[in-house]
Amino acid sequence: MALLFSSKTDDADLWRDALADELPDLDFRVWTPGGEGGADGGDPADIEYALVWAPKKGALRKFPNLKAIFSLGAGVDHLMVGRDLPEGVPVVRLVDPGLIRGMREYVIYWVLHHHRHFGEYERLVAEKRWRQLPQADTRKRRVGIMGLGILGADAAAKLRGLEIDVAGWSRTSKDLDGVTGFHGAHGLGPFLERTEILVCLLPLTPQTEAIINADTLARLPRGAVVINAARGGHVVDEDLLKALDDGHLAAAILDVFHTEPLPDDHPFWDHPKVTVTPHVASLTVPATAAEAVAENIRRIRAGQPPEPIVDPKAGY
């Protein structure tokens, strides 16, 4: 039994050690991105599991005994879009406590940053100006989270713990304690109209691509803030920049982009209302993520299906 690991950015040695602690008998093989399988991964017939990020199109079809494909990150668009995966092999999402904690921290940090006017205080301090700004009532701060999966639901719950007025929008109806729910196309407009700080944690699918555009941004109240920690494909860059330049938006926090690394000449770098972070909202932590991968391998060994399995029709 062998597991094939392939990623341009993740540390193979950390994953090897973490999985060895969980499954000492697991044959861990590193597959060079772009490799053809035989030379880098050994005999293709040995491979039963693939732990990968953005494999080459059709590359995973080379392994006849593949039982599961594990995503190396929370999102699965890198696996579902144009990868020509082997039919009948489940794609398993990564549910990692470390990822959940990381996203929770990122969202809370930036929501509070804008709620408490810390960006404005930074500018005042730089000008050596002593000025106290009015402090908003936390209970009246309206945050809206797009995407109520594991990450979104956790962030919503933690913000509610701070007594923030939280709403969520999702493809289908979700019932979360203390969170005002909106769903579907009919619910998007009302959701946006009540949202002062918009947090995007949606999966990237054909239905959610370019969802942050001129029309949706116009539905936000004037002075709103956009935080995107999902995928760059959710945002129409030109529309976001125009909303910032027109003064409709107060700020944007962007962790993900259409092209990564963000090109040197992209206007986001120098825009005074944009904060760029280099896709670090939540990074996979092998020490904790390996537990989830190992548990699913144990389930497969025991004749049980891994979980959670991606729905190919929904794309997540």
Protein backbone atom coordinates (compact mmCIF):
# COMPACT_ATOMS: atom_id res chain seq x y z
CA MET A 1 0.00 0.00 0.00
CA ALA A 2 1.46 3.36 -1.04
CA LEU A 3 0.43 7.00 -0.83
CA LEU A 4 1.55 9.39 -3.53
CA PHE A 5 2.31 12.97 -2.44
CA SER A 6 2.56 15.82 -4.94
CA SER A 7 2.74 19.56 -4.34
CA LYS A 8 4.84 22.50 -5.50
CA THR A 9 4.61 24.30 -2.16
CA ASP A 10 3.86 21.87 0.68
CA ASP A 11 6.74 20.31 2.61
CA ALA A 12 6.90 16.60 1.78
CA ASP A 13 9.16 15.81 4.74
CA LEU A 14 6.70 17.31 7.24
CA TRP A 15 3.87 15.29 5.74
CA ARG A 16 5.98 12.11 5.67
CA ASP A 17 6.81 12.44 9.36
CA ALA A 18 3.27 13.34 10.39
CA LEU A 19 1.73 10.42 8.49
CA ALA A 20 4.39 8.03 9.80
CA ASP A 21 3.25 8.85 13.33
CA GLU A 22 -0.30 7.91 12.37
CA LEU A 23 0.33 5.03 9.96
CA PRO A 24 3.83 3.56 10.40
CA ASP A 25 3.25 1.01 7.65
CA LEU A 26 2.26 3.59 5.02
CA ASP A 27 4.62 3.69 2.03
CA PHE A 28 4.97 7.45 1.43
CA ARG A 29 6.20 8.38 -2.05
CA VAL A 30 6.90 11.85 -3.38
CA TRP A 31 5.83 12.54 -6.93
CA THR A 32 7.52 15.49 -8.63
CA PRO A 33 4.88 17.88 -10.01
CA GLY A 34 4.59 17.24 -13.71
CA GLY A 35 6.13 13.81 -13.40
CA GLU A 36 4.65 10.92 -15.32
CA GLY A 37 4.28 8.56 -12.38
CA GLY A 38 6.53 5.61 -13.06
CA ALA A 39 9.95 7.16 -12.41
CA ASP A 40 8.92 9.44 -9.57
CA GLY A 41 6.26 7.41 -7.80
CA GLY A 42 7.53 3.91 -8.43
CA ASP A 43 5.22 1.26 -9.83
CA PRO A 44 1.85 2.97 -10.59
CA ALA A 45 0.05 -0.22 -9.50
CA ASP A 46 1.31 0.28 -5.92
CA ILE A 47 -0.48 3.58 -5.45
CA GLU A 48 -3.76 3.41 -3.52
CA TYR A 49 -3.96 6.98 -2.24
CA ALA A 50 -3.03 10.36 -3.69
CA LEU A 51 -2.45 13.42 -1.50
CA VAL A 52 -2.09 16.23 -4.01
CA TRP A 53 -2.48 19.86 -4.99
CA ALA A 54 -3.34 20.76 -8.60
CA PRO A 55 -2.10 17.61 -10.36
CA LYS A 56 -1.37 17.67 -14.07
CA LYS A 57 -4.46 17.04 -16.20
CA GLY A 58 -5.11 13.31 -16.52
CA ALA A 59 -2.06 12.40 -14.43
CA LEU A 60 -4.01 10.53 -11.74
CA ARG A 61 -5.52 8.21 -14.32
CA LYS A 62 -2.16 6.41 -14.44
CA PHE A 63 -2.79 4.62 -11.15
CA PRO A 64 -5.11 1.64 -11.66
CA ASN A 65 -5.58 0.83 -7.96
CA LEU A 66 -6.27 4.34 -6.71
CA LYS A 67 -8.89 4.30 -3.93
CA ALA A 68 -9.04 7.97 -2.88
CA ILE A 69 -7.74 11.40 -3.85
CA PHE A 70 -7.06 13.68 -0.87
CA SER A 71 -6.93 17.46 -1.24
CA LEU A 72 -3.94 19.16 0.35
CA GLY A 73 -6.05 22.22 1.18
CA ALA A 74 -9.54 23.19 2.27
CA GLY A 75 -10.65 24.02 -1.28
CA VAL A 76 -11.04 21.45 -4.03
CA ASP A 77 -11.33 23.62 -7.16
CA HIS A 78 -7.68 22.73 -7.92
CA LEU A 79 -8.88 19.14 -8.32
CA MET A 80 -12.33 19.59 -9.82
CA VAL A 81 -11.68 22.03 -12.67
CA GLY A 82 -10.21 20.48 -15.83
CA ARG A 83 -8.11 17.80 -14.10
CA ASP A 84 -9.62 14.76 -15.87
CA LEU A 85 -9.72 12.63 -12.74
CA PRO A 86 -10.20 8.85 -12.80
CA GLU A 87 -13.87 7.91 -12.73
CA GLY A 88 -15.29 6.41 -9.57
CA VAL A 89 -12.42 7.48 -7.31
CA PRO A 90 -13.69 9.70 -4.47
CA VAL A 91 -12.18 13.12 -3.96
CA VAL A 92 -11.92 13.81 -0.23
CA ARG A 93 -11.96 17.28 1.25
CA LEU A 94 -9.48 18.14 3.97
CA VAL A 95 -11.10 18.89 7.32
CA ASP A 96 -8.15 20.03 9.40
CA PRO A 97 -8.54 21.63 12.85
CA GLY A 98 -5.44 23.71 12.10
CA LEU A 99 -7.01 25.08 8.92
CA ILE A 100 -10.21 25.92 10.76
CA ARG A 101 -8.33 27.74 13.52
CA GLY A 102 -6.22 29.65 11.02
CA MET A 103 -9.21 30.91 9.04
CA ARG A 104 -11.04 31.81 12.24
CA GLU A 105 -8.07 33.93 13.35
CA TYR A 106 -7.77 35.67 9.98
CA VAL A 107 -11.45 36.57 9.78
CA ILE A 108 -11.72 37.76 13.37
CA TYR A 109 -8.53 39.83 13.06
CA TRP A 110 -9.64 41.75 9.99
CA VAL A 111 -13.25 42.16 11.10
CA LEU A 112 -12.08 43.70 14.37
CA HIS A 113 -9.44 45.74 12.54
CA HIS A 114 -12.17 47.58 10.65
CA HIS A 115 -14.79 47.49 13.38
CA ARG A 116 -12.39 49.30 15.77
CA HIS A 117 -10.97 51.69 13.11
CA PHE A 118 -7.40 50.43 13.57
CA GLY A 119 -6.50 51.28 9.98
CA GLU A 120 -7.51 54.88 10.58
CA TYR A 121 -5.53 54.92 13.83
CA GLU A 122 -2.44 53.75 11.94
CA ARG A 123 -2.77 56.72 9.60
CA LEU A 124 -3.32 59.16 12.48
CA VAL A 125 -0.30 57.86 14.37
CA ALA A 126 1.86 58.17 11.26
CA GLU A 127 0.83 61.85 11.19
CA LYS A 128 1.46 62.18 14.96
CA ARG A 129 -2.17 63.12 15.50
CA TRP A 130 -3.84 62.24 18.82
CA ARG A 131 -7.50 61.62 18.05
CA GLN A 132 -10.10 59.26 19.46
CA LEU A 133 -12.64 57.95 16.97
CA PRO A 134 -16.20 57.02 17.95
CA GLN A 135 -16.39 53.39 19.00
CA ALA A 136 -19.13 51.42 17.28
CA ASP A 137 -21.50 49.19 19.25
CA THR A 138 -20.33 45.62 18.60
CA ARG A 139 -23.92 44.38 18.80
CA LYS A 140 -24.83 46.60 15.86
CA ARG A 141 -21.87 45.72 13.64
CA ARG A 142 -23.30 43.74 10.73
CA VAL A 143 -20.95 41.14 9.27
CA GLY A 144 -21.99 38.89 6.41
CA ILE A 145 -20.25 35.62 5.56
CA MET A 146 -20.64 34.19 2.07
CA GLY A 147 -20.23 30.44 2.33
CA LEU A 148 -21.34 28.49 5.38
CA GLY A 149 -19.29 25.33 5.03
CA ILE A 150 -16.99 24.17 7.80
CA LEU A 151 -14.80 27.29 7.68
CA GLY A 152 -17.64 29.76 7.26
CA ALA A 153 -19.83 28.22 9.94
CA ASP A 154 -16.95 28.23 12.42
CA ALA A 155 -16.07 31.87 11.70
CA ALA A 156 -19.72 32.87 12.04
CA ALA A 157 -20.03 31.14 15.40
CA LYS A 158 -16.89 32.77 16.76
CA LEU A 159 -17.97 36.23 15.62
CA ARG A 160 -21.32 35.65 17.30
CA GLY A 161 -19.36 34.90 20.45
CA LEU A 162 -18.13 38.49 20.25
CA GLU A 163 -21.79 39.64 20.08
CA ILE A 164 -21.42 40.78 16.47
CA ASP A 165 -24.57 40.73 14.32
CA VAL A 166 -23.73 37.96 11.85
CA ALA A 167 -25.59 36.85 8.74
CA GLY A 168 -24.67 34.09 6.31
CA TRP A 169 -25.41 33.38 2.68
CA SER A 170 -25.14 29.95 1.07
CA ARG A 171 -26.38 28.02 -1.94
CA THR A 172 -28.91 26.12 0.15
CA SER A 173 -30.57 26.95 3.44
CA LYS A 174 -28.39 26.60 6.57
CA ASP A 175 -29.66 26.85 10.13
CA LEU A 176 -26.89 28.16 12.41
CA ASP A 177 -27.57 29.26 15.96
CA GLY A 178 -27.67 33.05 16.25
CA VAL A 179 -26.82 33.60 12.56
CA THR A 180 -29.36 35.21 10.24
CA GLY A 181 -29.59 32.95 7.21
CA PHE A 182 -30.01 33.83 3.55
CA HIS A 183 -29.71 31.44 0.63
CA GLY A 184 -30.06 31.12 -3.11
CA ALA A 185 -30.26 33.83 -5.75
CA HIS A 186 -33.30 35.43 -4.12
CA GLY A 187 -31.50 35.83 -0.80
CA LEU A 188 -28.26 37.37 -2.09
CA GLY A 189 -29.53 40.94 -2.48
CA PRO A 190 -31.10 41.25 0.99
CA PHE A 191 -27.98 39.64 2.49
CA LEU A 192 -25.68 42.18 0.86
CA GLU A 193 -27.87 45.16 1.73
CA ARG A 194 -27.52 44.49 5.47
CA THR A 195 -23.79 43.69 5.38
CA GLU A 196 -21.19 46.26 6.45
CA ILE A 197 -18.23 43.85 6.44
CA LEU A 198 -18.44 41.15 3.77
CA VAL A 199 -16.36 37.98 4.22
CA CYS A 200 -16.09 35.60 1.26
CA LEU A 201 -15.42 31.95 2.18
CA LEU A 202 -17.26 30.36 -0.74
CA PRO A 203 -16.03 27.37 -2.73
CA LEU A 204 -15.10 28.33 -6.28
CA THR A 205 -17.59 26.82 -8.73
CA PRO A 206 -19.04 28.00 -12.05
CA GLN A 207 -21.94 29.40 -10.04
CA THR A 208 -19.77 31.43 -7.63
CA GLU A 209 -17.09 32.60 -10.07
CA ALA A 210 -17.09 36.44 -10.35
CA ILE A 211 -19.82 36.70 -7.71
CA ILE A 212 -18.16 39.82 -6.25
CA ASN A 213 -18.83 42.17 -9.14
CA ALA A 214 -20.23 45.61 -9.91
CA ASP A 215 -23.82 44.52 -9.27
CA THR A 216 -23.21 42.76 -5.97
CA LEU A 217 -20.83 45.42 -4.69
CA ALA A 218 -23.44 48.07 -5.41
CA ARG A 219 -25.85 46.26 -3.09
CA LEU A 220 -23.51 46.70 -0.13
CA PRO A 221 -24.06 49.83 1.98
CA ARG A 222 -21.72 52.73 1.29
CA GLY A 223 -18.55 52.44 3.35
CA ALA A 224 -18.60 48.63 3.41
CA VAL A 225 -15.46 46.47 3.62
CA VAL A 226 -14.74 43.33 1.58
CA ILE A 227 -12.58 40.50 2.92
CA ASN A 228 -11.82 37.71 0.43
CA ALA A 229 -10.09 34.63 1.84
CA ALA A 230 -11.66 32.12 -0.56
CA ARG A 231 -10.42 32.27 -4.18
CA GLY A 232 -9.36 35.09 -6.47
CA GLY A 233 -11.86 33.90 -9.06
CA HIS A 234 -14.71 35.14 -6.90
CA VAL A 235 -13.74 38.76 -7.56
CA VAL A 236 -13.93 40.89 -10.70
CA ASP A 237 -10.81 42.94 -9.99
CA GLU A 238 -11.80 45.93 -12.13
CA ASP A 239 -15.20 46.19 -10.46
CA LEU A 240 -13.69 46.04 -6.99
CA LEU A 241 -11.14 48.74 -7.81
CA LYS A 242 -13.85 50.99 -9.22
CA ALA A 243 -16.00 50.57 -6.08
CA LEU A 244 -12.98 51.52 -3.97
CA ASP A 245 -12.07 54.51 -6.14
CA ASP A 246 -15.67 55.76 -6.19
CA GLY A 247 -15.77 55.69 -2.39
CA HIS A 248 -18.53 53.11 -2.24
CA LEU A 249 -16.18 50.70 -0.46
CA ALA A 250 -13.98 51.79 2.41
CA ALA A 251 -11.43 48.98 2.11
CA ALA A 252 -10.66 45.52 0.78
CA ILE A 253 -8.58 42.78 2.40
CA LEU A 254 -7.48 40.28 -0.24
CA ASP A 255 -5.65 37.03 0.44
CA VAL A 256 -6.31 35.27 -2.89
CA PHE A 257 -5.95 36.33 -6.51
CA HIS A 258 -6.57 35.26 -10.10
CA THR A 259 -2.82 34.88 -10.60
CA GLU A 260 -0.56 33.88 -7.72
CA PRO A 261 1.93 35.21 -6.87
CA LEU A 262 0.22 38.54 -7.55
CA PRO A 263 2.00 40.17 -10.52
CA ASP A 264 4.28 43.08 -9.64
CA ASP A 265 2.31 45.48 -11.82
CA HIS A 266 -1.11 44.66 -10.38
CA PRO A 267 -2.87 47.78 -8.99
CA PHE A 268 -3.82 45.96 -5.78
CA TRP A 269 -0.24 46.28 -4.52
CA ASP A 270 -0.25 50.07 -4.38
CA HIS A 271 -3.91 50.90 -3.84
CA PRO A 272 -4.32 52.84 -0.57
CA LYS A 273 -7.55 51.04 0.31
CA VAL A 274 -6.34 47.50 -0.43
CA THR A 275 -4.43 45.22 1.93
CA VAL A 276 -2.71 42.26 0.25
CA THR A 277 -1.75 39.08 2.11
CA PRO A 278 0.00 36.26 0.20
CA HIS A 279 -2.59 33.44 0.45
CA VAL A 280 -1.89 32.91 4.14
CA ALA A 281 -5.36 33.24 5.67
CA SER A 282 -5.10 29.60 6.65
CA LEU A 283 -2.28 27.24 5.76
CA THR A 284 -2.45 23.47 6.01
CA VAL A 285 -0.67 22.21 9.14
CA PRO A 286 0.66 18.68 8.46
CA ALA A 287 0.81 17.79 12.16
CA THR A 288 -2.97 18.16 12.47
CA ALA A 289 -4.08 17.54 8.88
CA ALA A 290 -2.33 14.16 8.78
CA GLU A 291 -4.71 12.92 11.47
CA ALA A 292 -7.69 13.51 9.17
CA VAL A 293 -5.98 11.85 6.19
CA ALA A 294 -4.91 8.86 8.27
CA GLU A 295 -8.39 8.42 9.72
CA ASN A 296 -9.86 8.25 6.24
CA ILE A 297 -7.26 5.70 5.16
CA ARG A 298 -8.27 3.61 8.18
CA ARG A 299 -11.91 3.93 7.13
CA ILE A 300 -11.10 2.73 3.62
CA ARG A 301 -9.11 -0.21 5.01
CA ALA A 302 -12.13 -1.12 7.10
CA GLY A 303 -14.41 -1.07 4.06
CA GLN A 304 -16.01 2.26 4.91
CA PRO A 305 -16.19 5.35 2.66
CA PRO A 306 -13.92 8.30 3.42
CA GLU A 307 -15.51 11.60 4.45
CA PRO A 308 -16.34 14.23 3.48
CA ILE A 309 -16.50 13.25 -0.18
CA VAL A 310 -16.81 15.99 -2.81
CA ASP A 311 -20.07 16.13 -4.74
CA PRO A 312 -18.95 16.35 -8.40
CA LYS A 313 -22.20 18.07 -9.42
CA ALA A 314 -21.92 20.79 -6.78
CA GLY A 315 -18.14 21.07 -7.24
CA TYR A 316 -17.36 20.95 -3.51
